[in-house]
């Protein structure tokens, strides 16, 4: 389950998530993220999931994702895209910014939820 959740995070984080991408998520994975089981991902549910995914990927618990930690989930190009200051680490703020951007991109109708 951990791998499935983290894979979901990577899909959302690296592909500028679209409604189609969210729709393609495995139902079990979606249900794990959809805390209130309403069939939609609210911004709060997405943020909680995003927080969980970062903590799981941050194996050494130093608040950043190094290339070795991210390698199972991101290729080098994806890693570099999220590492906006090019310091070879994805900081929590870089990660949060990417996830927020991806949520906004996926929320095509601007209603604050992904369906």
N, C-alpha and C. Protein backbone atom coordinates (compact mmCIF):
# COMPACT_ATOMS: atom_id res chain seq x y z
N UNK A 1 0.83 -1.20 0.00
CA UNK A 1 0.00 0.00 0.00
C UNK A 1 0.87 1.25 0.00
N UNK A 2 1.98 1.24 0.78
CA UNK A 2 2.87 2.40 0.83
C UNK A 2 3.36 2.75 -0.57
N UNK A 3 3.79 1.75 -1.33
CA UNK A 3 4.28 1.99 -2.67
C UNK A 3 3.18 2.56 -3.56
N UNK A 4 1.98 2.05 -3.44
CA UNK A 4 0.86 2.56 -4.24
C UNK A 4 0.57 4.02 -3.91
N UNK A 5 0.57 4.37 -2.65
CA UNK A 5 0.33 5.75 -2.24
C UNK A 5 1.42 6.66 -2.77
N UNK A 6 2.68 6.23 -2.63
CA UNK A 6 3.79 7.06 -3.10
C UNK A 6 3.78 7.17 -4.62
N UNK A 7 3.41 6.11 -5.30
CA UNK A 7 3.29 6.18 -6.75
C UNK A 7 2.22 7.20 -7.14
N UNK A 8 1.14 7.23 -6.41
CA UNK A 8 0.09 8.21 -6.65
C UNK A 8 0.63 9.62 -6.48
N UNK A 9 1.42 9.83 -5.44
CA UNK A 9 2.02 11.15 -5.21
C UNK A 9 2.89 11.56 -6.38
N UNK A 10 3.67 10.63 -6.87
CA UNK A 10 4.56 10.93 -7.98
C UNK A 10 3.77 11.23 -9.24
N UNK A 11 2.71 10.48 -9.50
CA UNK A 11 1.87 10.77 -10.66
C UNK A 11 1.36 12.19 -10.58
N UNK A 12 0.88 12.56 -9.42
CA UNK A 12 0.33 13.90 -9.26
C UNK A 12 1.42 14.97 -9.29
N UNK A 13 2.56 14.68 -8.68
CA UNK A 13 3.61 15.68 -8.54
C UNK A 13 4.36 15.93 -9.84
N UNK A 14 4.49 14.95 -10.68
CA UNK A 14 5.37 15.10 -11.83
C UNK A 14 4.67 15.24 -13.15
N UNK A 15 3.38 15.14 -13.18
CA UNK A 15 2.71 15.16 -14.47
C UNK A 15 1.75 16.32 -14.62
N UNK A 16 1.84 17.32 -13.77
CA UNK A 16 0.85 18.38 -13.78
C UNK A 16 -0.52 17.72 -13.90
N UNK A 17 -0.91 17.10 -12.82
CA UNK A 17 -2.07 16.21 -12.78
C UNK A 17 -3.26 16.78 -13.53
N UNK A 18 -3.90 15.92 -14.25
CA UNK A 18 -5.10 16.30 -14.97
C UNK A 18 -6.26 15.48 -14.42
N UNK A 19 -7.44 15.85 -14.79
CA UNK A 19 -8.61 15.09 -14.36
C UNK A 19 -8.50 13.65 -14.83
N UNK A 20 -7.94 13.45 -16.03
CA UNK A 20 -7.77 12.10 -16.54
C UNK A 20 -6.80 11.31 -15.67
N UNK A 21 -5.73 11.93 -15.21
CA UNK A 21 -4.76 11.25 -14.37
C UNK A 21 -5.42 10.83 -13.07
N UNK A 22 -6.18 11.71 -12.46
CA UNK A 22 -6.86 11.38 -11.21
C UNK A 22 -7.85 10.24 -11.46
N UNK A 23 -8.56 10.29 -12.56
CA UNK A 23 -9.53 9.25 -12.87
C UNK A 23 -8.86 7.90 -13.08
N UNK A 24 -7.61 7.89 -13.51
CA UNK A 24 -6.89 6.65 -13.76
C UNK A 24 -6.34 6.02 -12.48
N UNK A 25 -6.36 6.73 -11.38
CA UNK A 25 -5.84 6.17 -10.14
C UNK A 25 -6.64 4.93 -9.75
N UNK A 26 -5.94 3.97 -9.23
CA UNK A 26 -6.58 2.76 -8.74
C UNK A 26 -7.62 3.14 -7.69
N UNK A 27 -8.78 2.52 -7.74
CA UNK A 27 -9.87 2.87 -6.81
C UNK A 27 -9.44 2.72 -5.35
N UNK A 28 -8.67 1.68 -5.04
CA UNK A 28 -8.19 1.47 -3.68
C UNK A 28 -7.30 2.63 -3.23
N UNK A 29 -6.44 3.11 -4.13
CA UNK A 29 -5.57 4.24 -3.81
C UNK A 29 -6.40 5.50 -3.60
N UNK A 30 -7.35 5.72 -4.49
CA UNK A 30 -8.22 6.89 -4.37
C UNK A 30 -8.98 6.87 -3.06
N UNK A 31 -9.51 5.71 -2.70
CA UNK A 31 -10.25 5.59 -1.44
C UNK A 31 -9.36 5.88 -0.24
N UNK A 32 -8.09 5.52 -0.31
CA UNK A 32 -7.17 5.79 0.79
C UNK A 32 -6.93 7.29 0.94
N UNK A 33 -7.01 8.01 -0.14
CA UNK A 33 -6.78 9.46 -0.11
C UNK A 33 -8.07 10.20 0.21
N UNK A 34 -9.20 9.71 -0.29
CA UNK A 34 -10.51 10.33 -0.10
C UNK A 34 -11.03 10.00 1.30
N UNK A 35 -10.59 10.78 2.27
CA UNK A 35 -10.85 10.47 3.69
C UNK A 35 -12.34 10.41 4.03
N UNK A 36 -13.15 11.25 3.42
CA UNK A 36 -14.58 11.24 3.75
C UNK A 36 -15.41 10.39 2.78
N UNK A 37 -14.74 9.69 1.87
CA UNK A 37 -15.38 8.76 0.94
C UNK A 37 -16.52 9.38 0.13
N UNK A 38 -16.34 10.63 -0.29
CA UNK A 38 -17.39 11.26 -1.10
C UNK A 38 -17.12 11.16 -2.60
N UNK A 39 -16.01 10.50 -2.97
CA UNK A 39 -15.69 10.34 -4.38
C UNK A 39 -14.93 11.50 -4.98
N UNK A 40 -14.58 12.48 -4.17
CA UNK A 40 -13.83 13.65 -4.61
C UNK A 40 -12.61 13.83 -3.72
N UNK A 41 -11.59 14.48 -4.25
CA UNK A 41 -10.44 14.85 -3.42
C UNK A 41 -10.50 16.35 -3.17
N UNK A 42 -10.76 16.72 -1.92
CA UNK A 42 -10.76 18.13 -1.56
C UNK A 42 -9.31 18.59 -1.42
N UNK A 43 -9.12 19.88 -1.37
CA UNK A 43 -7.77 20.43 -1.18
C UNK A 43 -7.20 19.94 0.15
N UNK A 44 -8.02 19.88 1.20
CA UNK A 44 -7.55 19.39 2.50
C UNK A 44 -7.13 17.93 2.44
N UNK A 45 -7.92 17.10 1.77
CA UNK A 45 -7.55 15.68 1.63
C UNK A 45 -6.27 15.54 0.82
N UNK A 46 -6.17 16.32 -0.24
CA UNK A 46 -4.98 16.30 -1.08
C UNK A 46 -3.75 16.72 -0.27
N UNK A 47 -3.90 17.77 0.54
CA UNK A 47 -2.77 18.25 1.36
C UNK A 47 -2.36 17.22 2.40
N UNK A 48 -3.33 16.55 3.01
CA UNK A 48 -3.02 15.51 4.00
C UNK A 48 -2.28 14.36 3.33
N UNK A 49 -2.75 13.97 2.16
CA UNK A 49 -2.08 12.92 1.40
C UNK A 49 -0.67 13.35 1.00
N UNK A 50 -0.54 14.57 0.55
CA UNK A 50 0.75 15.11 0.14
C UNK A 50 1.74 15.10 1.31
N UNK A 51 1.27 15.49 2.47
CA UNK A 51 2.11 15.49 3.68
C UNK A 51 2.57 14.07 4.00
N UNK A 52 1.64 13.13 3.97
CA UNK A 52 1.96 11.73 4.25
C UNK A 52 3.00 11.22 3.25
N UNK A 53 2.80 11.49 1.97
CA UNK A 53 3.71 11.00 0.94
C UNK A 53 5.12 11.56 1.14
N UNK A 54 5.22 12.85 1.46
CA UNK A 54 6.55 13.44 1.68
C UNK A 54 7.23 12.76 2.86
N UNK A 55 6.51 12.60 3.95
CA UNK A 55 7.10 11.97 5.14
C UNK A 55 7.57 10.56 4.86
N UNK A 56 6.81 9.82 4.06
CA UNK A 56 7.20 8.46 3.71
C UNK A 56 8.44 8.43 2.81
N UNK A 57 8.54 9.35 1.89
CA UNK A 57 9.69 9.39 1.00
C UNK A 57 10.95 9.88 1.71
N UNK A 58 10.79 10.75 2.71
CA UNK A 58 11.92 11.31 3.46
C UNK A 58 12.44 10.30 4.47
N UNK A 59 13.17 9.32 3.95
CA UNK A 59 13.61 8.19 4.79
C UNK A 59 14.50 8.61 5.95
N UNK A 60 15.37 9.60 5.75
CA UNK A 60 16.28 10.00 6.83
C UNK A 60 15.67 11.09 7.71
N UNK A 61 14.45 11.49 7.42
CA UNK A 61 13.68 12.45 8.23
C UNK A 61 14.41 13.77 8.45
N UNK A 62 15.11 14.24 7.40
CA UNK A 62 15.82 15.50 7.51
C UNK A 62 15.07 16.68 6.88
N UNK A 63 13.85 16.43 6.40
CA UNK A 63 13.04 17.50 5.86
C UNK A 63 13.29 17.81 4.40
N UNK A 64 14.15 17.03 3.75
CA UNK A 64 14.40 17.18 2.33
C UNK A 64 14.42 15.81 1.67
N UNK A 65 14.23 15.81 0.37
CA UNK A 65 14.34 14.57 -0.40
C UNK A 65 15.59 14.66 -1.26
N UNK A 66 16.55 13.82 -0.96
CA UNK A 66 17.73 13.72 -1.80
C UNK A 66 17.43 12.85 -3.00
N UNK A 67 18.33 12.85 -3.94
CA UNK A 67 18.13 12.07 -5.16
C UNK A 67 17.96 10.59 -4.85
N UNK A 68 18.72 10.05 -3.90
CA UNK A 68 18.59 8.63 -3.56
C UNK A 68 17.22 8.31 -2.99
N UNK A 69 16.66 9.21 -2.19
CA UNK A 69 15.33 8.99 -1.63
C UNK A 69 14.25 9.07 -2.72
N UNK A 70 14.45 9.98 -3.66
CA UNK A 70 13.45 10.21 -4.69
C UNK A 70 13.59 9.24 -5.86
N UNK A 71 14.77 8.66 -6.03
CA UNK A 71 15.05 7.83 -7.20
C UNK A 71 14.03 6.72 -7.45
N UNK A 72 13.49 6.06 -6.42
CA UNK A 72 12.49 5.03 -6.72
C UNK A 72 11.19 5.59 -7.32
N UNK A 73 10.99 6.89 -7.21
CA UNK A 73 9.72 7.49 -7.61
C UNK A 73 9.85 8.52 -8.72
N UNK A 74 11.00 9.14 -8.85
CA UNK A 74 11.21 10.21 -9.83
C UNK A 74 12.43 9.90 -10.67
N UNK A 75 12.35 10.20 -11.97
CA UNK A 75 13.58 10.14 -12.76
C UNK A 75 14.32 11.46 -12.57
N UNK A 76 15.51 11.55 -13.09
CA UNK A 76 16.36 12.74 -12.84
C UNK A 76 15.70 14.01 -13.37
N UNK A 77 15.05 13.95 -14.51
CA UNK A 77 14.39 15.14 -15.07
C UNK A 77 13.26 15.61 -14.16
N UNK A 78 12.46 14.68 -13.68
CA UNK A 78 11.37 15.03 -12.78
C UNK A 78 11.92 15.64 -11.49
N UNK A 79 12.98 15.02 -10.97
CA UNK A 79 13.61 15.52 -9.75
C UNK A 79 14.08 16.96 -9.95
N UNK A 80 14.75 17.21 -11.06
CA UNK A 80 15.27 18.55 -11.34
C UNK A 80 14.15 19.57 -11.50
N UNK A 81 13.03 19.15 -12.06
CA UNK A 81 11.90 20.07 -12.22
C UNK A 81 11.32 20.51 -10.88
N UNK A 82 11.30 19.61 -9.92
CA UNK A 82 10.76 19.95 -8.60
C UNK A 82 11.81 20.70 -7.77
N UNK A 83 13.09 20.39 -7.95
CA UNK A 83 14.20 21.04 -7.25
C UNK A 83 14.46 22.40 -7.89
N UNK A 84 13.63 23.36 -7.55
CA UNK A 84 13.64 24.66 -8.23
C UNK A 84 14.89 25.49 -7.98
N UNK A 85 15.56 25.29 -6.84
CA UNK A 85 16.77 26.07 -6.58
C UNK A 85 18.05 25.31 -6.97
N UNK A 86 17.88 24.13 -7.55
CA UNK A 86 18.99 23.33 -8.09
C UNK A 86 20.08 23.02 -7.06
N UNK A 87 19.66 22.72 -5.83
CA UNK A 87 20.65 22.37 -4.80
C UNK A 87 20.77 20.86 -4.60
N UNK A 88 20.15 20.09 -5.50
CA UNK A 88 20.15 18.62 -5.46
C UNK A 88 19.37 18.03 -4.30
N UNK A 89 18.46 18.80 -3.76
CA UNK A 89 17.51 18.35 -2.74
C UNK A 89 16.16 18.95 -3.06
N UNK A 90 15.11 18.20 -2.80
CA UNK A 90 13.77 18.75 -2.87
C UNK A 90 13.38 19.12 -1.45
N UNK A 91 13.32 20.42 -1.19
CA UNK A 91 12.92 20.89 0.14
C UNK A 91 11.42 20.70 0.31
N UNK A 92 11.00 20.79 1.53
CA UNK A 92 9.56 20.66 1.81
C UNK A 92 8.80 21.77 1.08
N UNK A 93 9.34 22.98 1.06
CA UNK A 93 8.63 24.07 0.38
C UNK A 93 8.57 23.85 -1.13
N UNK A 94 9.63 23.30 -1.73
CA UNK A 94 9.60 23.00 -3.16
C UNK A 94 8.56 21.93 -3.45
N UNK A 95 8.53 20.91 -2.63
CA UNK A 95 7.57 19.83 -2.77
C UNK A 95 6.14 20.36 -2.62
N UNK A 96 5.90 21.13 -1.56
CA UNK A 96 4.56 21.68 -1.33
C UNK A 96 4.12 22.58 -2.47
N UNK A 97 5.05 23.38 -2.98
CA UNK A 97 4.71 24.27 -4.08
C UNK A 97 4.32 23.47 -5.32
N UNK A 98 5.08 22.40 -5.62
CA UNK A 98 4.76 21.57 -6.77
C UNK A 98 3.40 20.90 -6.60
N UNK A 99 3.15 20.36 -5.42
CA UNK A 99 1.87 19.69 -5.19
C UNK A 99 0.71 20.69 -5.29
N UNK A 100 0.91 21.89 -4.76
CA UNK A 100 -0.13 22.92 -4.84
C UNK A 100 -0.38 23.31 -6.30
N UNK A 101 0.69 23.50 -7.05
CA UNK A 101 0.55 23.82 -8.47
C UNK A 101 -0.20 22.72 -9.21
N UNK A 102 0.15 21.47 -8.89
CA UNK A 102 -0.49 20.33 -9.55
C UNK A 102 -1.97 20.25 -9.20
N UNK A 103 -2.31 20.52 -7.94
CA UNK A 103 -3.72 20.51 -7.56
C UNK A 103 -4.47 21.59 -8.33
N UNK A 104 -3.90 22.78 -8.38
CA UNK A 104 -4.56 23.88 -9.09
C UNK A 104 -4.74 23.56 -10.57
N UNK A 105 -3.74 22.94 -11.18
CA UNK A 105 -3.84 22.55 -12.58
C UNK A 105 -4.93 21.51 -12.79
N UNK A 106 -5.01 20.56 -11.90
CA UNK A 106 -5.99 19.48 -12.03
C UNK A 106 -7.41 19.96 -11.72
N UNK A 107 -7.53 20.97 -10.89
CA UNK A 107 -8.84 21.51 -10.51
C UNK A 107 -9.33 22.45 -11.61
N UNK A 108 -9.66 21.86 -12.74
CA UNK A 108 -9.97 22.64 -13.93
C UNK A 108 -11.18 23.55 -13.79
N UNK A 109 -12.14 23.17 -12.97
CA UNK A 109 -13.31 24.01 -12.81
C UNK A 109 -13.20 24.96 -11.60
N UNK A 110 -12.08 24.88 -10.88
CA UNK A 110 -11.82 25.80 -9.78
C UNK A 110 -12.73 25.62 -8.58
N UNK A 111 -13.31 24.43 -8.40
CA UNK A 111 -14.23 24.22 -7.29
C UNK A 111 -13.55 23.72 -6.02
N UNK A 112 -12.22 23.60 -6.03
CA UNK A 112 -11.49 23.20 -4.84
C UNK A 112 -11.50 21.71 -4.57
N UNK A 113 -11.88 20.93 -5.57
CA UNK A 113 -11.85 19.47 -5.41
C UNK A 113 -11.57 18.81 -6.75
N UNK A 114 -11.03 17.62 -6.66
CA UNK A 114 -10.76 16.83 -7.86
C UNK A 114 -11.76 15.70 -7.91
N UNK A 115 -12.37 15.52 -9.08
CA UNK A 115 -13.34 14.44 -9.20
C UNK A 115 -13.01 13.52 -10.35
